[in-house]
Amino acid sequence: MAAFSFFMPPVNHMGEGCLEGAMNDIVSLGLTKALVVTDEVLNKIGLVADVTEQLGAKGIASVIFDDTQPNPTCSNVAEGLTLLEENECNFVISLGGGSPHDCAKGIALVATNGGAIKDYEGVNVSSKPQLPLVAINTTAGTASEITRFCIITDEERHVKMAIVDKNTTPVMSVNDPELMKGMPASLTAATGMDALTHAIEAYVSTIATPVTDCSALKAIELIARFLRRAVGNGADMEAREQMAYAQLLAGMAFNNASLGYVHAMAHQLGGFYDLPHGVCNAVLLPHVQAYNARVRPERLADVAVAMGENVEGLTDVEAAEKALSAIKRLSADIGIPAGLTELGVKEEDFEVLATNALQDACGLTNPKQANLEEVIAIYSAAM
């Protein structure tokens, strides 16, 4: 096995009520003025005020940027950076799900490296560490609060840029399920399937290791057990907490084993049609894994077992089919659309989508490399 590096924030707070302890750690870092990157919804419901009040009680000043879009853009990053510089903030807090976290990463990275966020598309393009970033999570899905992945939409090209850079790793993550219990069922479903996609893509990745394997399989097991409960009853704190652990484990896996064609293809749908990332992943997941089963059926057989399927006496190929069925069944149970047609995707756009997907860094570690026609065929199968 080749040499291996493992990326993760130095400090990660987990469990109900952990936000309070995180506040003390922020003070210990000597940080004094935060740009809080969030969205309008979290600001309107008072969650942002709750956090800024806790910061203020610790002597930390804050400025709020709540213009993050669901698919954060280059413009969002530029606007947030201007606010940070005007107010001389010395660190960034992201509060929310993947969108605020990614936007905050973009702001923090450009703040120290200069230029514009589109200059950093690709793998490890930056030369300097970003401003310190504390990521406070309110969803159980993207794991962006612990990863070196930053996904920003280039509005001019209608493309989601994949920025994979060790310098975007936050200095601290916070996963307090108390902050997640107000998440609506549809968002719980989408983010949960995003986490499942992270875990499965990491497990079949060409650079998976024993460390990422154990994280991925445990994440799959927890999601299969608890996602339906979390969607069905948002106040089920056991389900919320277990999903928080599951998405963190999935993040540990893909942050180090990377991803595959599900994400490479979903990024194009999000950038082109402005669709929710988790839903795109959920719809594409069984179709991409059907393609991957041609070369890694034994890995998908393990996925089936982790999802609670009985594969005794089955071949790896037969067990892989069980995994695909389990994925589709879970999606249906939690209300995920059955196909891309329901999302407004058009066949005439397949060639552009597929061309861009093949240029996405996430596809580099897919276990079977595809040509343009094969990617188009996967999109078609997912309709």
Protein backbone atom coordinates (compact mmCIF):
# COMPACT_ATOMS: atom_id res chain seq x y z
CA MET A 1 0.00 0.00 0.00
CA ALA A 2 1.26 3.48 -0.86
CA ALA A 3 2.12 6.10 1.78
CA PHE A 4 -0.99 7.58 3.36
CA SER A 5 -1.92 10.90 5.01
CA PHE A 6 -4.97 11.40 7.21
CA PHE A 7 -6.63 14.85 7.30
CA MET A 8 -9.01 16.01 10.02
CA PRO A 9 -9.45 19.06 12.31
CA PRO A 10 -7.28 18.93 15.46
CA VAL A 11 -10.32 19.34 17.73
CA ASN A 12 -13.79 17.85 17.16
CA HIS A 13 -16.64 18.35 19.63
CA MET A 14 -19.40 15.72 19.56
CA GLY A 15 -22.62 15.02 21.44
CA GLU A 16 -25.59 16.79 22.94
CA GLY A 17 -24.63 20.09 24.57
CA CYS A 18 -21.05 20.12 23.26
CA LEU A 19 -21.32 23.69 21.90
CA GLU A 20 -20.61 25.11 25.37
CA GLY A 21 -17.27 23.31 25.59
CA ALA A 22 -16.41 24.45 22.09
CA MET A 23 -16.82 28.08 23.14
CA ASN A 24 -14.12 27.62 25.78
CA ASP A 25 -11.78 26.13 23.19
CA ILE A 26 -12.34 29.10 20.86
CA VAL A 27 -11.25 31.41 23.68
CA SER A 28 -8.14 29.28 24.27
CA LEU A 29 -7.12 29.78 20.63
CA GLY A 30 -6.80 33.52 21.29
CA LEU A 31 -9.31 34.44 18.58
CA THR A 32 -11.12 37.73 19.17
CA LYS A 33 -13.35 38.73 16.23
CA ALA A 34 -15.31 36.34 14.03
CA LEU A 35 -16.99 36.58 10.68
CA VAL A 36 -19.99 34.26 11.18
CA VAL A 37 -20.89 32.73 7.80
CA THR A 38 -24.43 31.37 7.76
CA ASP A 39 -27.72 31.65 5.86
CA GLU A 40 -30.89 33.74 6.17
CA VAL A 41 -33.02 30.89 7.53
CA LEU A 42 -30.77 30.18 10.49
CA ASN A 43 -30.54 33.91 11.17
CA LYS A 44 -34.32 34.39 11.06
CA ILE A 45 -35.06 31.49 13.45
CA GLY A 46 -32.67 32.93 16.04
CA LEU A 47 -29.98 30.25 15.97
CA VAL A 48 -27.34 32.73 14.83
CA ALA A 49 -28.24 35.10 17.67
CA ASP A 50 -27.93 32.26 20.18
CA VAL A 51 -24.40 31.51 19.00
CA THR A 52 -23.26 35.14 18.77
CA GLU A 53 -24.59 35.77 22.29
CA GLN A 54 -22.51 32.87 23.58
CA LEU A 55 -19.49 34.28 21.76
CA GLY A 56 -20.12 37.72 23.24
CA ALA A 57 -20.31 36.27 26.74
CA LYS A 58 -16.79 34.93 26.17
CA GLY A 59 -15.53 38.33 24.99
CA ILE A 60 -15.50 37.45 21.28
CA ALA A 61 -16.95 40.00 18.85
CA SER A 62 -18.72 38.89 15.70
CA VAL A 63 -20.00 40.13 12.33
CA ILE A 64 -22.71 38.18 10.50
CA PHE A 65 -22.68 37.24 6.82
CA ASP A 66 -25.97 35.47 6.11
CA ASP A 67 -26.13 35.70 2.31
CA THR A 68 -24.84 32.17 1.64
CA GLN A 69 -26.89 30.51 -1.09
CA PRO A 70 -27.83 26.79 -0.99
CA ASN A 71 -25.14 26.21 -3.64
CA PRO A 72 -22.58 28.87 -2.58
CA THR A 73 -21.12 30.91 -5.40
CA CYS A 74 -17.94 32.77 -6.24
CA SER A 75 -19.88 35.98 -5.58
CA ASN A 76 -20.88 34.76 -2.09
CA VAL A 77 -17.20 34.19 -1.30
CA ALA A 78 -16.19 37.61 -2.62
CA GLU A 79 -18.96 39.39 -0.67
CA GLY A 80 -18.08 37.58 2.55
CA LEU A 81 -14.39 38.35 2.10
CA THR A 82 -15.15 42.05 1.71
CA LEU A 83 -17.13 42.04 4.97
CA LEU A 84 -14.33 40.17 6.75
CA GLU A 85 -11.68 42.63 5.59
CA GLU A 86 -13.79 45.74 6.32
CA ASN A 87 -14.33 44.56 9.90
CA GLU A 88 -10.80 43.23 10.45
CA CYS A 89 -12.00 39.80 11.59
CA ASN A 90 -9.19 37.43 12.58
CA PHE A 91 -11.09 34.17 12.20
CA VAL A 92 -14.19 32.67 10.60
CA ILE A 93 -17.07 30.67 12.08
CA SER A 94 -19.33 28.71 9.76
CA LEU A 95 -22.78 27.96 11.16
CA GLY A 96 -25.10 25.66 9.24
CA GLY A 97 -24.71 22.79 6.80
CA GLY A 98 -22.46 22.24 3.83
CA SER A 99 -23.25 25.53 2.11
CA PRO A 100 -22.11 27.89 4.91
CA HIS A 101 -19.12 25.64 5.64
CA ASP A 102 -17.98 25.66 2.00
CA CYS A 103 -18.57 29.39 1.64
CA ALA A 104 -16.59 30.03 4.83
CA LYS A 105 -13.73 27.86 3.60
CA GLY A 106 -13.61 29.86 0.40
CA ILE A 107 -13.54 33.15 2.33
CA ALA A 108 -10.88 31.97 4.78
CA LEU A 109 -8.68 30.55 2.01
CA VAL A 110 -8.73 33.64 -0.21
CA ALA A 111 -8.23 35.89 2.85
CA THR A 112 -4.70 34.56 3.28
CA ASN A 113 -3.79 33.41 -0.24
CA GLY A 114 -5.21 36.33 -2.27
CA GLY A 115 -6.84 36.35 -5.69
CA ALA A 116 -10.30 34.84 -6.19
CA ILE A 117 -11.73 31.49 -5.13
CA LYS A 118 -11.79 30.19 -8.73
CA ASP A 119 -7.96 30.38 -8.66
CA TYR A 120 -7.95 27.40 -6.29
CA GLU A 121 -10.00 24.86 -8.23
CA GLY A 122 -8.31 21.46 -8.17
CA VAL A 123 -6.10 19.70 -5.64
CA ASN A 124 -3.82 21.55 -3.16
CA VAL A 125 -3.46 24.70 -5.26
CA SER A 126 -3.09 27.11 -2.31
CA SER A 127 0.29 27.84 -0.71
CA LYS A 128 -0.73 29.23 2.71
CA PRO A 129 -3.01 28.07 5.54
CA GLN A 130 -6.41 29.76 5.56
CA LEU A 131 -7.61 31.98 8.40
CA PRO A 132 -8.62 29.83 11.41
CA LEU A 133 -12.08 28.34 10.75
CA VAL A 134 -14.43 26.95 13.41
CA ALA A 135 -17.23 24.91 11.79
CA ILE A 136 -20.44 24.58 13.81
CA ASN A 137 -22.69 22.03 12.13
CA THR A 138 -26.51 22.03 12.03
CA THR A 139 -27.11 19.17 9.57
CA ALA A 140 -26.09 15.50 9.46
CA GLY A 141 -24.83 14.99 5.97
CA THR A 142 -22.07 16.89 4.21
CA ALA A 143 -19.33 16.51 6.87
CA SER A 144 -17.90 19.70 5.41
CA GLU A 145 -17.16 20.76 8.97
CA ILE A 146 -14.22 18.31 9.07
CA THR A 147 -13.10 18.00 5.46
CA ARG A 148 -10.59 19.53 3.06
CA PHE A 149 -13.27 19.64 0.34
CA CYS A 150 -14.80 22.98 -0.67
CA ILE A 151 -17.47 23.08 -3.39
CA ILE A 152 -18.21 26.50 -4.90
CA THR A 153 -20.42 27.26 -7.91
CA ASP A 154 -18.86 29.32 -10.69
CA GLU A 155 -21.92 31.24 -11.90
CA GLU A 156 -20.29 32.15 -15.21
CA ARG A 157 -19.62 28.54 -16.24
CA HIS A 158 -22.61 27.03 -14.35
CA VAL A 159 -20.15 24.54 -12.87
CA LYS A 160 -19.55 23.44 -9.30
CA MET A 161 -15.82 23.71 -8.67
CA ALA A 162 -14.21 21.03 -6.53
CA ILE A 163 -11.50 22.58 -4.37
CA VAL A 164 -9.66 19.80 -2.53
CA ASP A 165 -7.03 21.42 -0.35
CA LYS A 166 -5.49 20.53 3.00
CA ASN A 167 -5.49 24.24 3.82
CA THR A 168 -9.30 24.36 3.90
CA THR A 169 -9.47 21.95 6.85
CA PRO A 170 -11.14 23.72 9.83
CA VAL A 171 -9.25 24.03 13.11
CA MET A 172 -12.33 22.85 15.02
CA SER A 173 -15.63 21.14 14.31
CA VAL A 174 -18.77 21.12 16.45
CA ASN A 175 -21.51 18.51 16.05
CA ASP A 176 -24.13 19.22 18.69
CA PRO A 177 -27.37 17.35 17.86
CA GLU A 178 -29.29 19.98 19.83
CA LEU A 179 -28.64 22.29 16.85
CA MET A 180 -30.03 19.67 14.43
CA LYS A 181 -33.41 18.85 15.94
CA GLY A 182 -35.17 21.67 14.06
CA MET A 183 -33.99 20.40 10.68
CA PRO A 184 -37.02 19.67 8.43
CA ALA A 185 -37.67 16.10 7.29
CA SER A 186 -36.79 16.79 3.64
CA LEU A 187 -33.41 18.26 4.58
CA THR A 188 -32.77 15.42 7.04
CA ALA A 189 -33.45 12.94 4.23
CA ALA A 190 -31.26 14.70 1.66
CA THR A 191 -28.32 15.25 3.98
CA GLY A 192 -28.56 11.70 5.31
CA MET A 193 -28.34 10.28 1.79
CA ASP A 194 -25.41 12.60 1.13
CA ALA A 195 -23.64 10.98 4.09
CA LEU A 196 -24.46 7.51 2.80
CA THR A 197 -23.01 8.47 -0.58
CA HIS A 198 -19.81 9.71 1.08
CA ALA A 199 -19.39 6.44 2.93
CA ILE A 200 -20.07 4.16 -0.04
CA GLU A 201 -17.93 6.15 -2.47
CA ALA A 202 -15.06 6.17 0.01
CA TYR A 203 -15.40 2.42 0.56
CA VAL A 204 -15.16 1.59 -3.16
CA SER A 205 -12.49 4.25 -3.82
CA THR A 206 -9.19 3.26 -5.38
CA ILE A 207 -7.31 4.86 -2.47
CA ALA A 208 -9.35 3.38 0.39
CA THR A 209 -7.33 2.20 3.42
CA PRO A 210 -8.16 0.15 6.51
CA VAL A 211 -8.66 3.43 8.39
CA THR A 212 -11.18 4.79 5.89
CA ASP A 213 -12.82 1.37 5.47
CA CYS A 214 -13.78 1.04 9.13
CA SER A 215 -15.11 4.60 9.22
CA ALA A 216 -17.15 4.07 6.06
CA LEU A 217 -18.70 0.75 7.07
CA LYS A 218 -19.72 2.01 10.52
CA ALA A 219 -21.26 5.11 8.92
CA ILE A 220 -23.27 2.93 6.52
CA GLU A 221 -24.49 0.76 9.40
CA LEU A 222 -25.63 3.76 11.46
CA ILE A 223 -27.37 5.45 8.53
CA ALA A 224 -29.25 2.28 7.65
CA ARG A 225 -30.41 2.01 11.28
CA PHE A 226 -31.20 5.61 12.16
CA LEU A 227 -31.93 7.74 9.07
CA ARG A 228 -35.57 6.63 8.75
CA ARG A 229 -36.11 7.46 12.43
CA ALA A 230 -34.48 10.89 12.13
CA VAL A 231 -36.65 11.72 9.11
CA GLY A 232 -39.80 10.40 10.78
CA ASN A 233 -39.31 12.26 14.06
CA GLY A 234 -36.91 15.19 14.19
CA ALA A 235 -37.11 15.26 18.00
CA ASP A 236 -35.75 11.70 18.28
CA MET A 237 -32.46 12.72 19.88
CA GLU A 238 -30.94 9.24 19.76
CA ALA A 239 -31.49 9.17 16.00
CA ARG A 240 -30.17 12.72 15.65
CA GLU A 241 -27.03 11.95 17.63
CA GLN A 242 -26.34 8.69 15.81
CA MET A 243 -26.78 10.40 12.44
CA ALA A 244 -24.34 13.10 13.60
CA TYR A 245 -21.79 10.39 14.34
CA ALA A 246 -22.58 8.64 11.06
CA GLN A 247 -22.01 11.71 8.91
CA LEU A 248 -18.78 12.50 10.78
CA LEU A 249 -17.50 8.96 10.19
CA ALA A 250 -18.47 9.20 6.53
CA GLY A 251 -16.59 12.49 6.35
CA MET A 252 -13.50 10.92 7.91
CA ALA A 253 -13.68 8.25 5.22
CA PHE A 254 -14.11 10.40 2.13
CA ASN A 255 -11.86 13.21 3.37
CA ASN A 256 -9.01 10.73 3.06
CA ALA A 257 -10.19 8.17 0.47
CA SER A 258 -11.94 10.79 -1.70
CA LEU A 259 -15.11 10.09 -3.68
CA GLY A 260 -16.23 8.99 -7.15
CA TYR A 261 -18.60 9.53 -10.04
CA VAL A 262 -21.70 10.07 -7.89
CA HIS A 263 -20.26 13.35 -6.65
CA ALA A 264 -18.57 14.23 -9.94
CA MET A 265 -21.94 13.87 -11.70
CA ALA A 266 -24.05 15.41 -8.91
CA HIS A 267 -21.88 18.53 -8.88
CA GLN A 268 -22.84 19.15 -12.50
CA LEU A 269 -26.56 18.80 -11.77
CA GLY A 270 -26.23 21.24 -8.88
CA GLY A 271 -24.23 23.76 -10.87
CA PHE A 272 -26.34 23.53 -14.04
CA TYR A 273 -29.86 23.38 -12.55
CA ASP A 274 -29.22 24.69 -9.00
CA LEU A 275 -30.54 21.43 -7.50
CA PRO A 276 -30.02 20.22 -3.90
CA HIS A 277 -26.78 18.28 -3.66
CA GLY A 278 -27.95 15.50 -1.35
CA VAL A 279 -30.98 14.69 -3.52
CA CYS A 280 -28.82 14.52 -6.65
CA ASN A 281 -26.44 12.15 -4.86
CA ALA A 282 -29.28 9.96 -3.65
CA VAL A 283 -30.78 9.57 -7.12
CA LEU A 284 -27.42 8.83 -8.78
CA LEU A 285 -25.99 6.57 -6.06
CA PRO A 286 -27.48 3.17 -7.05
CA HIS A 287 -26.85 3.77 -10.75
CA VAL A 288 -23.18 4.68 -10.33
CA GLN A 289 -22.68 1.74 -7.98
CA ALA A 290 -24.31 -0.59 -10.52
CA TYR A 291 -21.56 0.59 -12.89
CA ASN A 292 -18.89 0.07 -10.20
CA ALA A 293 -20.22 -3.41 -9.40
CA ARG A 294 -18.63 -4.57 -12.66
CA VAL A 295 -15.20 -4.25 -11.02
CA ARG A 296 -15.78 -4.13 -7.23
CA PRO A 297 -18.75 -6.40 -6.43
CA GLU A 298 -17.02 -7.68 -3.28
CA ARG A 299 -16.93 -4.16 -1.87
CA LEU A 300 -20.61 -3.60 -2.56
CA ALA A 301 -21.31 -6.99 -0.95
CA ASP A 302 -19.79 -5.52 2.23
CA VAL A 303 -22.07 -2.49 1.84
CA ALA A 304 -25.07 -4.83 1.70
CA VAL A 305 -24.02 -6.46 4.98
CA ALA A 306 -23.50 -3.05 6.62
CA MET A 307 -27.03 -2.08 5.55
CA GLY A 308 -28.43 -5.16 7.29
CA GLU A 309 -28.97 -7.36 4.25
CA ASN A 310 -28.66 -11.15 4.48
CA VAL A 311 -26.14 -12.23 1.84
CA GLU A 312 -25.47 -15.76 3.10
CA GLY A 313 -24.88 -18.14 0.20
CA LEU A 314 -24.82 -15.36 -2.40
CA THR A 315 -22.04 -14.57 -4.84
CA ASP A 316 -20.42 -11.13 -4.62
CA VAL A 317 -22.35 -10.04 -7.69
CA GLU A 318 -25.65 -11.18 -6.17
CA ALA A 319 -24.80 -9.51 -2.84
CA ALA A 320 -23.92 -6.29 -4.67
CA GLU A 321 -27.43 -6.31 -6.15
CA LYS A 322 -28.75 -6.53 -2.58
CA ALA A 323 -26.82 -3.36 -1.74
CA LEU A 324 -28.32 -1.52 -4.71
CA SER A 325 -31.83 -2.62 -3.70
CA ALA A 326 -31.26 -1.53 -0.10
CA ILE A 327 -30.10 1.92 -1.25
CA LYS A 328 -33.18 2.37 -3.45
CA ARG A 329 -35.49 1.16 -0.68
CA LEU A 330 -34.02 3.58 1.86
CA SER A 331 -34.36 6.48 -0.59
CA ALA A 332 -37.99 5.62 -1.29
CA ASP A 333 -38.81 5.25 2.41
CA ILE A 334 -37.61 8.77 3.21
CA GLY A 335 -39.22 10.50 0.23
CA ILE A 336 -36.30 10.98 -2.17
CA PRO A 337 -37.48 11.49 -5.81
CA ALA A 338 -37.30 8.30 -7.87
CA GLY A 339 -35.34 9.81 -10.75
CA LEU A 340 -33.78 12.85 -12.38
CA THR A 341 -36.86 13.50 -14.51
CA GLU A 342 -38.69 14.65 -11.36
CA LEU A 343 -35.88 17.16 -10.78
CA GLY A 344 -36.28 18.76 -14.22
CA VAL A 345 -33.12 17.30 -15.77
CA LYS A 346 -33.18 17.22 -19.59
CA GLU A 347 -31.58 14.61 -21.83
CA GLU A 348 -30.34 17.26 -24.25
CA ASP A 349 -28.01 18.52 -21.50
CA PHE A 350 -26.38 15.11 -20.88
CA GLU A 351 -23.33 15.70 -23.08
CA VAL A 352 -22.41 18.97 -21.36
CA LEU A 353 -23.07 17.47 -17.92
CA ALA A 354 -21.02 14.36 -18.69
CA THR A 355 -18.14 16.34 -20.20
CA ASN A 356 -17.90 18.48 -17.07
CA ALA A 357 -18.29 15.46 -14.77
CA LEU A 358 -15.24 13.83 -16.36
CA GLN A 359 -13.22 16.95 -15.45
CA ASP A 360 -14.32 16.88 -11.78
CA ALA A 361 -11.55 15.88 -9.36
CA CYS A 362 -13.93 13.62 -7.43
CA GLY A 363 -14.03 11.15 -10.31
CA LEU A 364 -10.31 10.39 -10.17
CA THR A 365 -10.74 7.74 -7.47
CA ASN A 366 -13.80 6.00 -8.90
CA PRO A 367 -12.98 2.27 -9.14
CA LYS A 368 -13.83 2.10 -12.85
CA GLN A 369 -12.90 4.98 -15.12
CA ALA A 370 -15.60 5.90 -17.63
CA ASN A 371 -15.71 7.49 -21.05
CA LEU A 372 -18.20 10.14 -22.14
CA GLU A 373 -20.75 7.65 -23.45
CA GLU A 374 -20.69 5.65 -20.22
CA VAL A 375 -21.31 8.72 -18.06
CA ILE A 376 -24.17 9.74 -20.34
CA ALA A 377 -25.58 6.20 -19.97
CA ILE A 378 -25.51 6.52 -16.17
CA TYR A 379 -27.37 9.83 -16.32
CA SER A 380 -29.88 8.22 -18.65
CA ALA A 381 -30.40 5.24 -16.34
CA ALA A 382 -31.04 7.64 -13.44
CA MET A 383 -33.86 9.48 -15.23
